C-alpha atoms as a PDB file:
ATOM      1  CA  MET A   1       4.273  29.953 -16.012  1.00  0.00           C
ATOM      2  CA  PRO A   2       2.564  27.711 -13.448  1.00  0.00           C
ATOM      3  CA  ARG A   3       3.277  28.305  -9.796  1.00  0.00           C
ATOM      4  CA  VAL A   4       5.691  25.710  -8.386  1.00  0.00           C
ATOM      5  CA  VAL A   5       5.241  24.542  -4.790  1.00  0.00           C
ATOM      6  CA  ASN A   6       7.560  22.085  -3.073  1.00  0.00           C
ATOM      7  CA  THR A   7       5.763  21.265   0.166  1.00  0.00           C
ATOM      8  CA  ILE A   8       2.470  19.712   1.125  1.00  0.00           C
ATOM      9  CA  ALA A   9       1.712  22.674   3.369  1.00  0.00           C
ATOM     10  CA  GLU A  10       2.052  25.126   0.463  1.00  0.00           C
ATOM     11  CA  TRP A  11      -0.390  23.200  -1.699  1.00  0.00           C
ATOM     12  CA  ARG A  12      -2.865  22.665   1.134  1.00  0.00           C
ATOM     13  CA  ALA A  13      -2.996  26.411   1.759  1.00  0.00           C
ATOM     14  CA  LEU A  14      -3.780  26.972  -1.918  1.00  0.00           C
ATOM     15  CA  ARG A  15      -6.308  24.132  -1.907  1.00  0.00           C
ATOM     16  CA  ALA A  16      -8.139  25.654   1.049  1.00  0.00           C
ATOM     17  CA  ALA A  17      -8.501  28.924  -0.826  1.00  0.00           C
ATOM     18  CA  HIS A  18      -9.797  27.165  -3.949  1.00  0.00           C
ATOM     19  CA  ARG A  19     -12.261  25.166  -1.873  1.00  0.00           C
ATOM     20  CA  ALA A  20     -13.533  28.287  -0.130  1.00  0.00           C
ATOM     21  CA  ALA A  21     -14.083  29.862  -3.550  1.00  0.00           C
ATOM     22  CA  GLY A  22     -15.929  26.801  -4.843  1.00  0.00           C
ATOM     23  CA  ARG A  23     -13.326  25.982  -7.516  1.00  0.00           C
ATOM     24  CA  THR A  24     -12.982  22.419  -8.790  1.00  0.00           C
ATOM     25  CA  VAL A  25      -9.476  20.945  -8.999  1.00  0.00           C
ATOM     26  CA  GLY A  26      -8.200  18.549 -11.654  1.00  0.00           C
ATOM     27  CA  PHE A  27      -4.993  16.663 -10.858  1.00  0.00           C
ATOM     28  CA  VAL A  28      -2.443  15.027 -13.170  1.00  0.00           C
ATOM     29  CA  PRO A  29       0.370  13.100 -11.440  1.00  0.00           C
ATOM     30  CA  THR A  30       3.580  12.720 -13.473  1.00  0.00           C
ATOM     31  CA  MET A  31       7.238  11.840 -13.094  1.00  0.00           C
ATOM     32  CA  GLY A  32       8.280  14.658 -15.413  1.00  0.00           C
ATOM     33  CA  ALA A  33      10.116  14.278 -18.747  1.00  0.00           C
ATOM     34  CA  LEU A  34       6.819  15.389 -20.242  1.00  0.00           C
ATOM     35  CA  HIS A  35       5.568  14.897 -23.802  1.00  0.00           C
ATOM     36  CA  ALA A  36       2.374  15.308 -25.837  1.00  0.00           C
ATOM     37  CA  GLY A  37       0.746  12.386 -24.033  1.00  0.00           C
ATOM     38  CA  HIS A  38       1.001  14.253 -20.742  1.00  0.00           C
ATOM     39  CA  ALA A  39      -0.211  17.422 -22.453  1.00  0.00           C
ATOM     40  CA  SER A  40      -3.414  15.598 -23.435  1.00  0.00           C
ATOM     41  CA  LEU A  41      -4.064  14.871 -19.742  1.00  0.00           C
ATOM     42  CA  PHE A  42      -3.491  18.509 -18.815  1.00  0.00           C
ATOM     43  CA  HIS A  43      -5.875  19.617 -21.560  1.00  0.00           C
ATOM     44  CA  ALA A  44      -8.541  17.209 -20.293  1.00  0.00           C
ATOM     45  CA  ALA A  45      -8.176  18.580 -16.764  1.00  0.00           C
ATOM     46  CA  ARG A  46      -8.287  22.143 -18.091  1.00  0.00           C
ATOM     47  CA  ARG A  47     -11.514  21.301 -19.963  1.00  0.00           C
ATOM     48  CA  ASP A  48     -13.225  19.949 -16.855  1.00  0.00           C
ATOM     49  CA  CYS A  49     -11.894  21.929 -13.919  1.00  0.00           C
ATOM     50  CA  ALA A  50     -11.341  25.489 -12.707  1.00  0.00           C
ATOM     51  CA  VAL A  51      -7.851  24.729 -11.367  1.00  0.00           C
ATOM     52  CA  VAL A  52      -5.283  22.301 -12.819  1.00  0.00           C
ATOM     53  CA  LEU A  53      -2.650  20.832 -10.514  1.00  0.00           C
ATOM     54  CA  ALA A  54       0.174  18.645 -11.816  1.00  0.00           C
ATOM     55  CA  SER A  55       2.786  16.838  -9.773  1.00  0.00           C
ATOM     56  CA  VAL A  56       6.343  16.162 -10.892  1.00  0.00           C
ATOM     57  CA  PHE A  57       7.923  13.524  -8.677  1.00  0.00           C
ATOM     58  CA  VAL A  58      10.318  10.774  -9.705  1.00  0.00           C
ATOM     59  CA  ASN A  59       9.142   8.076  -7.328  1.00  0.00           C
ATOM     60  CA  PRO A  60      12.009   5.870  -6.126  1.00  0.00           C
ATOM     61  CA  THR A  61       9.840   3.038  -4.824  1.00  0.00           C
ATOM     62  CA  GLN A  62       8.518   1.987  -8.246  1.00  0.00           C
ATOM     63  CA  PHE A  63      11.888   1.460  -9.928  1.00  0.00           C
ATOM     64  CA  ASP A  64      13.270  -2.053 -10.202  1.00  0.00           C
ATOM     65  CA  GLU A  65      16.862  -0.851 -10.410  1.00  0.00           C
ATOM     66  CA  LYS A  66      18.568   2.042  -8.627  1.00  0.00           C
ATOM     67  CA  HIS A  67      20.500   2.811 -11.816  1.00  0.00           C
ATOM     68  CA  ASP A  68      17.231   3.309 -13.728  1.00  0.00           C
ATOM     69  CA  PHE A  69      15.986   5.717 -11.063  1.00  0.00           C
ATOM     70  CA  GLU A  70      19.203   7.702 -11.134  1.00  0.00           C
ATOM     71  CA  LEU A  71      19.138   7.991 -14.941  1.00  0.00           C
ATOM     72  CA  TYR A  72      15.515   9.125 -15.151  1.00  0.00           C
ATOM     73  CA  PRO A  73      15.549  12.629 -16.693  1.00  0.00           C
ATOM     74  CA  ARG A  74      14.845  15.589 -14.426  1.00  0.00           C
ATOM     75  CA  MET A  75      13.998  18.702 -16.449  1.00  0.00           C
ATOM     76  CA  LEU A  76      11.566  20.768 -14.400  1.00  0.00           C
ATOM     77  CA  ASP A  77      12.112  24.050 -16.265  1.00  0.00           C
ATOM     78  CA  GLN A  78      11.385  22.388 -19.612  1.00  0.00           C
ATOM     79  CA  ASP A  79       8.417  20.534 -18.136  1.00  0.00           C
ATOM     80  CA  CYS A  80       7.009  23.784 -16.734  1.00  0.00           C
ATOM     81  CA  ALA A  81       7.118  25.349 -20.195  1.00  0.00           C
ATOM     82  CA  LEU A  82       5.018  22.481 -21.588  1.00  0.00           C
ATOM     83  CA  MET A  83       2.624  22.689 -18.639  1.00  0.00           C
ATOM     84  CA  ASP A  84       2.279  26.438 -19.093  1.00  0.00           C
ATOM     85  CA  ALA A  85       1.246  25.914 -22.725  1.00  0.00           C
ATOM     86  CA  ALA A  86      -1.263  23.241 -21.638  1.00  0.00           C
ATOM     87  CA  GLY A  87      -2.939  25.388 -18.999  1.00  0.00           C
ATOM     88  CA  VAL A  88      -1.522  23.974 -15.755  1.00  0.00           C
ATOM     89  CA  ASP A  89      -1.951  26.402 -12.840  1.00  0.00           C
ATOM     90  CA  VAL A  90       0.152  24.804 -10.087  1.00  0.00           C
ATOM     91  CA  VAL A  91       3.007  22.273 -10.064  1.00  0.00           C
ATOM     92  CA  PHE A  92       3.663  20.222  -6.940  1.00  0.00           C
ATOM     93  CA  ALA A  93       7.338  19.199  -7.076  1.00  0.00           C
ATOM     94  CA  PRO A  94       8.229  17.647  -3.708  1.00  0.00           C
ATOM     95  CA  SER A  95      11.445  16.068  -2.499  1.00  0.00           C
ATOM     96  CA  VAL A  96      11.719  12.390  -1.621  1.00  0.00           C
ATOM     97  CA  ALA A  97      11.901  13.379   2.061  1.00  0.00           C
ATOM     98  CA  GLU A  98       8.649  15.345   1.724  1.00  0.00           C
ATOM     99  CA  MET A  99       6.860  12.353   0.200  1.00  0.00           C
ATOM    100  CA  TYR A 100       8.409   9.645   2.386  1.00  0.00           C
ATOM    101  CA  PRO A 101       8.899  11.187   5.840  1.00  0.00           C
ATOM    102  CA  ASN A 102       8.733   7.705   7.386  1.00  0.00           C
ATOM    103  CA  GLY A 103      10.841   6.068   4.702  1.00  0.00           C
ATOM    104  CA  THR A 104       9.179   2.990   3.264  1.00  0.00           C
ATOM    105  CA  ARG A 105       7.676   1.615   6.476  1.00  0.00           C
ATOM    106  CA  TYR A 106       4.149   2.013   5.114  1.00  0.00           C
ATOM    107  CA  ALA A 107       2.976   0.857   1.697  1.00  0.00           C
ATOM    108  CA  VAL A 108      -0.158   0.001  -0.284  1.00  0.00           C
ATOM    109  CA  THR A 109      -0.270  -3.536  -1.659  1.00  0.00           C
ATOM    110  CA  GLU A 110      -2.738  -5.203  -4.019  1.00  0.00           C
ATOM    111  CA  ASN A 111      -2.546  -8.982  -3.960  1.00  0.00           C
ATOM    112  CA  GLN A 112      -3.993 -10.148  -7.281  1.00  0.00           C
ATOM    113  CA  PHE A 113      -3.810  -8.133 -10.507  1.00  0.00           C
ATOM    114  CA  SER A 114      -0.591  -6.378  -9.433  1.00  0.00           C
ATOM    115  CA  ARG A 115       1.174  -9.769  -9.501  1.00  0.00           C
ATOM    116  CA  GLU A 116       0.263 -10.393 -13.159  1.00  0.00           C
ATOM    117  CA  LEU A 117       1.374  -8.954 -16.523  1.00  0.00           C
ATOM    118  CA  CYS A 118       3.923  -6.207 -15.708  1.00  0.00           C
ATOM    119  CA  GLY A 119       3.803  -7.169 -12.032  1.00  0.00           C
ATOM    120  CA  ALA A 120       5.072 -10.663 -12.792  1.00  0.00           C
ATOM    121  CA  HIS A 121       8.166  -9.172 -14.431  1.00  0.00           C
ATOM    122  CA  ARG A 122       8.663  -6.231 -12.051  1.00  0.00           C
ATOM    123  CA  PRO A 123       8.102  -7.489  -8.485  1.00  0.00           C
ATOM    124  CA  GLY A 124       7.133  -4.694  -6.129  1.00  0.00           C
ATOM    125  CA  HIS A 125       6.649  -2.146  -8.910  1.00  0.00           C
ATOM    126  CA  PHE A 126       2.931  -1.689  -8.369  1.00  0.00           C
ATOM    127  CA  ASP A 127       3.355  -1.472  -4.585  1.00  0.00           C
ATOM    128  CA  GLY A 128       5.481   1.603  -5.285  1.00  0.00           C
ATOM    129  CA  VAL A 129       2.996   3.010  -7.792  1.00  0.00           C
ATOM    130  CA  LEU A 130      -0.052   2.515  -5.585  1.00  0.00           C
ATOM    131  CA  THR A 131       1.711   3.864  -2.514  1.00  0.00           C
ATOM    132  CA  VAL A 132       2.800   7.098  -4.185  1.00  0.00           C
ATOM    133  CA  VAL A 133      -0.549   7.579  -5.943  1.00  0.00           C
ATOM    134  CA  MET A 134      -2.362   7.094  -2.642  1.00  0.00           C
ATOM    135  CA  LYS A 135      -0.133   9.756  -1.098  1.00  0.00           C
ATOM    136  CA  LEU A 136      -0.583  12.129  -4.032  1.00  0.00           C
ATOM    137  CA  LEU A 137      -4.364  11.733  -4.124  1.00  0.00           C
ATOM    138  CA  GLN A 138      -4.552  12.428  -0.393  1.00  0.00           C
ATOM    139  CA  ILE A 139      -2.346  15.496  -0.783  1.00  0.00           C
ATOM    140  CA  ALA A 140      -4.018  16.867  -3.921  1.00  0.00           C
ATOM    141  CA  ASP A 141      -7.559  16.495  -2.555  1.00  0.00           C
ATOM    142  CA  ALA A 142      -8.708  16.947  -6.154  1.00  0.00           C
ATOM    143  CA  ASP A 143     -12.172  16.489  -7.591  1.00  0.00           C
ATOM    144  CA  ARG A 144     -10.775  14.537 -10.566  1.00  0.00           C
ATOM    145  CA  ALA A 145      -7.458  12.879 -11.405  1.00  0.00           C
ATOM    146  CA  TYR A 146      -6.395  12.023 -14.948  1.00  0.00           C
ATOM    147  CA  PHE A 147      -4.460   8.937 -16.092  1.00  0.00           C
ATOM    148  CA  GLY A 148      -3.575   7.628 -19.549  1.00  0.00           C
ATOM    149  CA  ASP A 149      -4.909   4.395 -21.041  1.00  0.00           C
ATOM    150  CA  LYS A 150      -1.406   3.382 -22.169  1.00  0.00           C
ATOM    151  CA  ASP A 151      -0.683   2.249 -18.605  1.00  0.00           C
ATOM    152  CA  GLN A 152      -3.910   0.257 -18.557  1.00  0.00           C
ATOM    153  CA  GLN A 153      -2.905  -2.165 -15.793  1.00  0.00           C
ATOM    154  CA  GLN A 154      -1.820   0.749 -13.614  1.00  0.00           C
ATOM    155  CA  LEU A 155      -5.085   2.560 -14.374  1.00  0.00           C
ATOM    156  CA  GLN A 156      -7.183  -0.436 -13.344  1.00  0.00           C
ATOM    157  CA  LEU A 157      -5.208  -0.885 -10.129  1.00  0.00           C
ATOM    158  CA  ILE A 158      -5.559   2.797  -9.211  1.00  0.00           C
ATOM    159  CA  ARG A 159      -9.300   2.742  -9.874  1.00  0.00           C
ATOM    160  CA  GLY A 160      -9.599  -0.357  -7.713  1.00  0.00           C
ATOM    161  CA  MET A 161      -7.590   1.264  -4.915  1.00  0.00           C
ATOM    162  CA  VAL A 162      -9.737   4.402  -4.998  1.00  0.00           C
ATOM    163  CA  GLU A 163     -12.851   2.261  -4.733  1.00  0.00           C
ATOM    164  CA  ALA A 164     -11.427   0.022  -2.008  1.00  0.00           C
ATOM    165  CA  PHE A 165     -10.362   2.920   0.204  1.00  0.00           C
ATOM    166  CA  PHE A 166     -13.413   5.125  -0.488  1.00  0.00           C
ATOM    167  CA  LEU A 167     -11.344   8.001  -1.859  1.00  0.00           C
ATOM    168  CA  PRO A 168     -13.542  10.844  -3.144  1.00  0.00           C
ATOM    169  CA  THR A 169     -11.470  11.718  -6.234  1.00  0.00           C
ATOM    170  CA  GLN A 170     -12.952  10.646  -9.580  1.00  0.00           C
ATOM    171  CA  ILE A 171     -10.415   8.800 -11.763  1.00  0.00           C
ATOM    172  CA  VAL A 172     -10.686   9.933 -15.389  1.00  0.00           C
ATOM    173  CA  PRO A 173      -9.075   7.713 -18.083  1.00  0.00           C
ATOM    174  CA  CYS A 174      -7.685   9.412 -21.197  1.00  0.00           C
ATOM    175  CA  PRO A 175      -6.854   7.846 -24.590  1.00  0.00           C
ATOM    176  CA  THR A 176      -3.319   6.793 -25.460  1.00  0.00           C
ATOM    177  CA  VAL A 177      -1.491   9.383 -27.545  1.00  0.00           C
ATOM    178  CA  ARG A 178       0.621   7.887 -30.329  1.00  0.00           C
ATOM    179  CA  GLU A 179       3.332   8.968 -32.699  1.00  0.00           C
ATOM    180  CA  ALA A 180       2.388   9.104 -36.395  1.00  0.00           C
ATOM    181  CA  ASP A 181       3.774   5.566 -36.841  1.00  0.00           C
ATOM    182  CA  GLY A 182       1.648   4.145 -34.003  1.00  0.00           C
ATOM    183  CA  LEU A 183       4.240   3.962 -31.225  1.00  0.00           C
ATOM    184  CA  ALA A 184       2.673   4.944 -27.914  1.00  0.00           C
ATOM    185  CA  MET A 185       4.256   8.120 -26.568  1.00  0.00           C
ATOM    186  CA  SER A 186       6.483   7.508 -23.562  1.00  0.00           C
ATOM    187  CA  SER A 187       9.371   9.223 -21.855  1.00  0.00           C
ATOM    188  CA  ARG A 188      11.310   5.997 -22.401  1.00  0.00           C
ATOM    189  CA  ASN A 189      11.169   6.367 -26.196  1.00  0.00           C
ATOM    190  CA  ALA A 190      13.994   8.893 -25.973  1.00  0.00           C
ATOM    191  CA  ARG A 191      16.300   6.074 -24.860  1.00  0.00           C
ATOM    192  CA  LEU A 192      15.843   4.147 -28.104  1.00  0.00           C
ATOM    193  CA  SER A 193      18.708   4.162 -30.577  1.00  0.00           C
ATOM    194  CA  PRO A 194      17.823   5.216 -34.156  1.00  0.00           C
ATOM    195  CA  ALA A 195      17.674   1.554 -35.218  1.00  0.00           C
ATOM    196  CA  GLU A 196      15.518   0.624 -32.219  1.00  0.00           C
ATOM    197  CA  ARG A 197      13.211   3.584 -32.826  1.00  0.00           C
ATOM    198  CA  ALA A 198      12.730   2.456 -36.443  1.00  0.00           C
ATOM    199  CA  LEU A 199      11.752  -1.026 -35.235  1.00  0.00           C
ATOM    200  CA  ALA A 200       9.575   0.047 -32.280  1.00  0.00           C
ATOM    201  CA  PRO A 201       6.313   0.713 -34.218  1.00  0.00           C
ATOM    202  CA  GLN A 202       6.098  -2.989 -35.063  1.00  0.00           C
ATOM    203  CA  PHE A 203       5.185  -3.567 -31.419  1.00  0.00           C
ATOM    204  CA  HIS A 204       1.846  -1.800 -31.761  1.00  0.00           C
ATOM    205  CA  GLN A 205       1.294  -3.233 -35.236  1.00  0.00           C
ATOM    206  CA  ALA A 206       1.679  -6.794 -33.932  1.00  0.00           C
ATOM    207  CA  LEU A 207      -0.702  -6.186 -31.030  1.00  0.00           C
ATOM    208  CA  VAL A 208      -3.325  -4.892 -33.441  1.00  0.00           C
ATOM    209  CA  ALA A 209      -2.921  -7.287 -36.370  1.00  0.00           C
ATOM    210  CA  ALA A 210      -1.877 -10.683 -35.001  1.00  0.00           C
ATOM    211  CA  PRO A 211      -4.800 -13.123 -34.764  1.00  0.00           C
ATOM    212  CA  THR A 212      -3.754 -14.386 -31.326  1.00  0.00           C
ATOM    213  CA  ALA A 213      -1.493 -13.292 -28.484  1.00  0.00           C
ATOM    214  CA  ALA A 214       0.772 -16.255 -29.206  1.00  0.00           C
ATOM    215  CA  ALA A 215       1.062 -15.222 -32.853  1.00  0.00           C
ATOM    216  CA  ALA A 216       1.907 -11.663 -31.799  1.00  0.00           C
ATOM    217  CA  ARG A 217       4.688 -12.979 -29.581  1.00  0.00           C
ATOM    218  CA  VAL A 218       6.172 -15.058 -32.389  1.00  0.00           C
ATOM    219  CA  GLN A 219       5.997 -12.094 -34.762  1.00  0.00           C
ATOM    220  CA  LEU A 220       7.697  -9.766 -32.291  1.00  0.00           C
ATOM    221  CA  GLU A 221      10.462 -12.202 -31.402  1.00  0.00           C
ATOM    222  CA  ALA A 222      11.149 -12.803 -35.097  1.00  0.00           C
ATOM    223  CA  ALA A 223      11.481  -9.034 -35.577  1.00  0.00           C
ATOM    224  CA  GLY A 224      14.101  -8.786 -32.819  1.00  0.00           C
ATOM    225  CA  PHE A 225      12.104  -7.825 -29.722  1.00  0.00           C
ATOM    226  CA  ARG A 226      12.640  -9.535 -26.372  1.00  0.00           C
ATOM    227  CA  VAL A 227       9.094 -10.231 -25.220  1.00  0.00           C
ATOM    228  CA  ASP A 228       8.128 -10.124 -21.549  1.00  0.00           C
ATOM    229  CA  TYR A 229       4.519 -11.022 -22.329  1.00  0.00           C
ATOM    230  CA  VAL A 230       1.648 -10.694 -24.752  1.00  0.00           C
ATOM    231  CA  GLU A 231      -1.702 -11.669 -23.261  1.00  0.00           C
ATOM    232  CA  ASP A 232      -5.367 -11.313 -24.176  1.00  0.00           C
ATOM    233  CA  ARG A 233      -7.807 -10.758 -21.342  1.00  0.00           C
ATOM    234  CA  ASP A 234     -11.150  -9.046 -20.814  1.00  0.00           C
ATOM    235  CA  GLY A 235     -11.369  -7.719 -24.360  1.00  0.00           C
ATOM    236  CA  ARG A 236      -7.886  -6.197 -24.390  1.00  0.00           C
ATOM    237  CA  ARG A 237      -4.447  -7.296 -25.576  1.00  0.00           C
ATOM    238  CA  TYR A 238      -1.573  -6.348 -23.297  1.00  0.00           C
ATOM    239  CA  GLY A 239       2.104  -6.464 -24.196  1.00  0.00           C
ATOM    240  CA  ALA A 240       5.535  -5.581 -22.853  1.00  0.00           C
ATOM    241  CA  VAL A 241       8.742  -5.875 -24.860  1.00  0.00           C
ATOM    242  CA  ARG A 242      12.357  -4.804 -24.671  1.00  0.00           C
ATOM    243  CA  LEU A 243      14.547  -3.190 -27.282  1.00  0.00           C
ATOM    244  CA  GLY A 244      18.107  -2.916 -26.058  1.00  0.00           C
ATOM    245  CA  ALA A 245      17.919  -1.467 -22.547  1.00  0.00           C
ATOM    246  CA  THR A 246      14.454   0.041 -23.069  1.00  0.00           C
ATOM    247  CA  ARG A 247      11.207  -1.593 -21.954  1.00  0.00           C
ATOM    248  CA  LEU A 248       8.034  -0.637 -23.827  1.00  0.00           C
ATOM    249  CA  ILE A 249       4.430  -1.392 -22.853  1.00  0.00           C
ATOM    250  CA  ASP A 250       1.211  -1.032 -24.793  1.00  0.00           C
ATOM    251  CA  ASN A 251      -2.326  -2.366 -24.991  1.00  0.00           C
ATOM    252  CA  VAL A 252      -5.143  -2.356 -27.521  1.00  0.00           C
ATOM    253  CA  ALA A 253      -8.848  -3.124 -27.387  1.00  0.00           C
ATOM    254  CA  ARG A 254      -9.795  -6.435 -29.013  1.00  0.00           C
END
């Protein structure tokens, strides 16, 4: 099983030893509730690096609703079993107090792309994401960090932040992992009812097949989805929809 550390000091002591030995570190930040999509990130890090570090931290500052944060599944033992099978060496699982010793006085804000697409429907969400990723990248001090293409807007914002603040970690994008029916893997899929799960693959199908973003929206609404947005930009189609209480996001190259 991977070694679990709960404090920044514990990881930094390990990191110093790896650095002295010339070992490269690959880092995968997660919020836990892991699935095969996360495993693909761990495998990529294992392929590239001598040491694989994963974090498991349910970040309170990126949730729109306190209720959603409280309901987010915490299953560290189960997650560690998956990480063990995927070759993770160390798990950083800090408390909220460890990550936010000054509360929320300090934050990272991006003023353009973070206000669009998901940001237009989830005000403040990307401030929380960028702030915690900045903290985690500073703590991990990794050579490479791995993020999935499914969260494409998040990926672009993180890459921009790393460039803007001259962080030395290389951001490595990894392909979206999908279920056999095309639904992008997500921890949120477990919240879908059987009827919602049967309908969910039509989201990806519409993004791929509809001739325009507007046509995809009409198709999805007719099927019973509540559509936050479907937009084409820079050679990619982005979408976010809701089924019951569950929000799904996806994107495809165009």
